[in-house]
Amino acid sequence: MKSVLRTVLTAATAVAALTVVVPSASAASAAGAKSGQSAVALCRVRFAAVDARVAANPSQISAAAYNQARSILARAGSETAAKSHPVHGTGSVPVRYGTSLLACSRDEFRSKDRNAPIKRSGMTPYHYVAIHDAARTMGIDRW
């Protein structure tokens, strides 16, 4: 029940921030004011979306699942994952470790696959499958 309420409140905050952004942007352009006001409101929407992502994921990831996902990404060619240190000496790690690993690897794959002829979400199907296998291994839905 708490997660449903948290999701509804996050969505309401995002809608309210968007409502504030639209008039601010039009008023700023009409009055000739600086556009910094609308940028601040856009940042608030971005942070509201981050809160929704965290709510969808578990709070902790087992060290074994993180290490296995790291191996999947390293075998797929992610230099970020290959250089990251395996987790040891603890039973679990915060979910942000996994989401950060996935986001960095995703960006790296998209950069490498920029000129690939066949793409799925900006990367080759091989990299796409590797990213999603790693996310599934850690139990992460959104990153």
Protein backbone atom coordinates (compact mmCIF):
# COMPACT_ATOMS: atom_id res chain seq x y z
CA MET A 1 0.00 0.00 0.00
CA LYS A 2 2.84 2.38 0.85
CA SER A 3 4.54 1.82 -2.51
CA VAL A 4 1.29 2.51 -4.37
CA LEU A 5 0.80 5.73 -2.40
CA ARG A 6 4.43 6.73 -2.99
CA THR A 7 4.04 6.12 -6.75
CA VAL A 8 0.83 8.17 -6.90
CA LEU A 9 2.44 11.03 -4.97
CA THR A 10 5.49 10.97 -7.24
CA ALA A 11 3.29 11.09 -10.33
CA ALA A 12 1.28 13.96 -8.85
CA THR A 13 4.51 15.85 -8.13
CA ALA A 14 5.68 15.33 -11.70
CA VAL A 15 2.36 16.56 -13.10
CA ALA A 16 2.42 19.60 -10.81
CA ALA A 17 5.98 20.40 -11.88
CA LEU A 18 5.01 20.12 -15.54
CA THR A 19 2.08 22.43 -14.90
CA VAL A 20 4.47 24.96 -13.40
CA VAL A 21 6.96 24.59 -16.27
CA VAL A 22 4.57 25.33 -19.12
CA PRO A 23 3.32 28.72 -17.87
CA SER A 24 6.81 29.70 -16.67
CA ALA A 25 8.32 28.98 -20.08
CA SER A 26 5.65 30.92 -21.95
CA ALA A 27 5.75 33.81 -19.48
CA ALA A 28 9.54 33.92 -19.63
CA SER A 29 9.56 34.05 -23.42
CA ALA A 30 6.80 36.66 -23.51
CA ALA A 31 8.40 38.88 -20.88
CA GLY A 32 11.89 38.43 -22.27
CA ALA A 33 13.17 37.06 -18.95
CA LYS A 34 16.02 34.60 -18.60
CA SER A 35 15.19 30.99 -19.37
CA GLY A 36 16.79 29.76 -16.11
CA GLN A 37 13.39 29.63 -14.43
CA SER A 38 12.08 26.90 -16.70
CA ALA A 39 15.33 24.92 -16.39
CA VAL A 40 14.93 24.77 -12.61
CA ALA A 41 11.41 23.41 -12.96
CA LEU A 42 12.59 20.80 -15.48
CA CYS A 43 15.21 19.58 -13.01
CA ARG A 44 12.51 19.04 -10.42
CA VAL A 45 10.62 16.81 -12.84
CA ARG A 46 13.78 14.84 -13.50
CA PHE A 47 14.33 14.21 -9.79
CA ALA A 48 10.71 13.14 -9.37
CA ALA A 49 11.26 10.56 -12.12
CA VAL A 50 14.39 9.29 -10.34
CA ASP A 51 12.34 8.74 -7.18
CA ALA A 52 9.86 6.63 -9.16
CA ARG A 53 12.71 4.51 -10.56
CA VAL A 54 14.13 3.80 -7.12
CA ALA A 55 10.69 2.84 -5.80
CA ALA A 56 10.33 0.18 -8.53
CA ASN A 57 13.61 -1.55 -7.64
CA PRO A 58 14.61 -3.55 -4.56
CA SER A 59 16.54 -1.65 -1.90
CA GLN A 60 19.44 -4.14 -1.81
CA ILE A 61 21.09 -6.48 -4.32
CA SER A 62 22.93 -9.60 -3.25
CA ALA A 63 26.68 -9.47 -3.81
CA ALA A 64 26.53 -12.66 -5.90
CA ALA A 65 23.87 -11.20 -8.21
CA TYR A 66 25.86 -7.98 -8.65
CA ASN A 67 29.06 -9.90 -9.44
CA GLN A 68 27.24 -12.14 -11.93
CA ALA A 69 25.69 -9.12 -13.69
CA ARG A 70 29.11 -7.45 -13.75
CA SER A 71 30.54 -10.57 -15.45
CA ILE A 72 27.74 -10.62 -18.04
CA LEU A 73 28.44 -7.00 -18.98
CA ALA A 74 32.22 -7.47 -19.00
CA ARG A 75 31.91 -10.49 -21.34
CA ALA A 76 29.69 -8.39 -23.61
CA GLY A 77 32.48 -5.84 -23.92
CA SER A 78 31.79 -3.21 -21.27
CA GLU A 79 35.08 -1.70 -20.15
CA THR A 80 33.30 -0.01 -17.24
CA ALA A 81 32.09 -3.36 -15.91
CA ALA A 82 35.46 -4.98 -16.50
CA LYS A 83 37.24 -2.27 -14.52
CA SER A 84 34.75 -2.26 -11.65
CA HIS A 85 35.73 -4.09 -8.50
CA PRO A 86 33.81 -7.25 -7.60
CA VAL A 87 31.86 -7.04 -4.35
CA HIS A 88 33.15 -9.23 -1.53
CA GLY A 89 33.03 -9.30 2.24
CA THR A 90 29.38 -8.25 2.40
CA GLY A 91 26.10 -9.99 1.74
CA SER A 92 24.42 -7.24 -0.24
CA VAL A 93 24.96 -3.82 -1.79
CA PRO A 94 22.64 -0.84 -2.37
CA VAL A 95 20.59 -0.91 -5.56
CA ARG A 96 22.34 2.24 -6.78
CA TYR A 97 25.48 0.14 -7.41
CA GLY A 98 23.55 -1.98 -9.89
CA THR A 99 21.67 0.89 -11.53
CA SER A 100 24.90 2.82 -11.94
CA LEU A 101 26.64 -0.18 -13.50
CA LEU A 102 23.73 -0.69 -15.93
CA ALA A 103 23.51 2.99 -16.89
CA CYS A 104 27.26 3.33 -17.49
CA SER A 105 27.38 0.15 -19.55
CA ARG A 106 24.31 1.19 -21.53
CA ASP A 107 25.87 4.57 -22.37
CA GLU A 108 29.15 2.88 -23.29
CA PHE A 109 27.41 0.39 -25.58
CA ARG A 110 25.40 3.14 -27.26
CA SER A 111 28.58 5.07 -27.89
CA LYS A 112 30.36 2.03 -29.33
CA ASP A 113 27.36 1.02 -31.46
CA ARG A 114 26.71 4.48 -32.89
CA ASN A 115 27.44 3.32 -36.47
CA ALA A 116 25.94 -0.18 -36.21
CA PRO A 117 23.47 -0.95 -38.99
CA ILE A 118 20.94 -2.81 -36.81
CA LYS A 119 20.08 -1.24 -33.46
CA ARG A 120 17.71 -1.80 -30.61
CA SER A 121 17.46 1.11 -28.14
CA GLY A 122 20.58 2.63 -29.66
CA MET A 123 22.79 -0.46 -29.40
CA THR A 124 23.33 -3.77 -31.14
CA PRO A 125 20.93 -6.58 -30.22
CA TYR A 126 23.82 -8.45 -28.53
CA HIS A 127 24.51 -5.53 -26.18
CA TYR A 128 20.78 -4.98 -25.62
CA VAL A 129 20.32 -8.58 -24.51
CA ALA A 130 23.40 -8.40 -22.26
CA ILE A 131 22.13 -5.27 -20.50
CA HIS A 132 18.71 -6.80 -19.91
CA ASP A 133 20.16 -10.12 -18.75
CA ALA A 134 22.31 -8.25 -16.22
CA ALA A 135 19.31 -6.22 -15.02
CA ARG A 136 17.19 -9.37 -14.68
CA THR A 137 19.98 -11.07 -12.73
CA MET A 138 20.01 -8.22 -10.20
CA GLY A 139 16.22 -7.90 -10.13
CA ILE A 140 16.30 -4.31 -11.39
CA ASP A 141 13.32 -3.16 -13.45
CA ARG A 142 14.27 0.47 -14.13
CA TRP A 143 17.63 2.21 -14.35
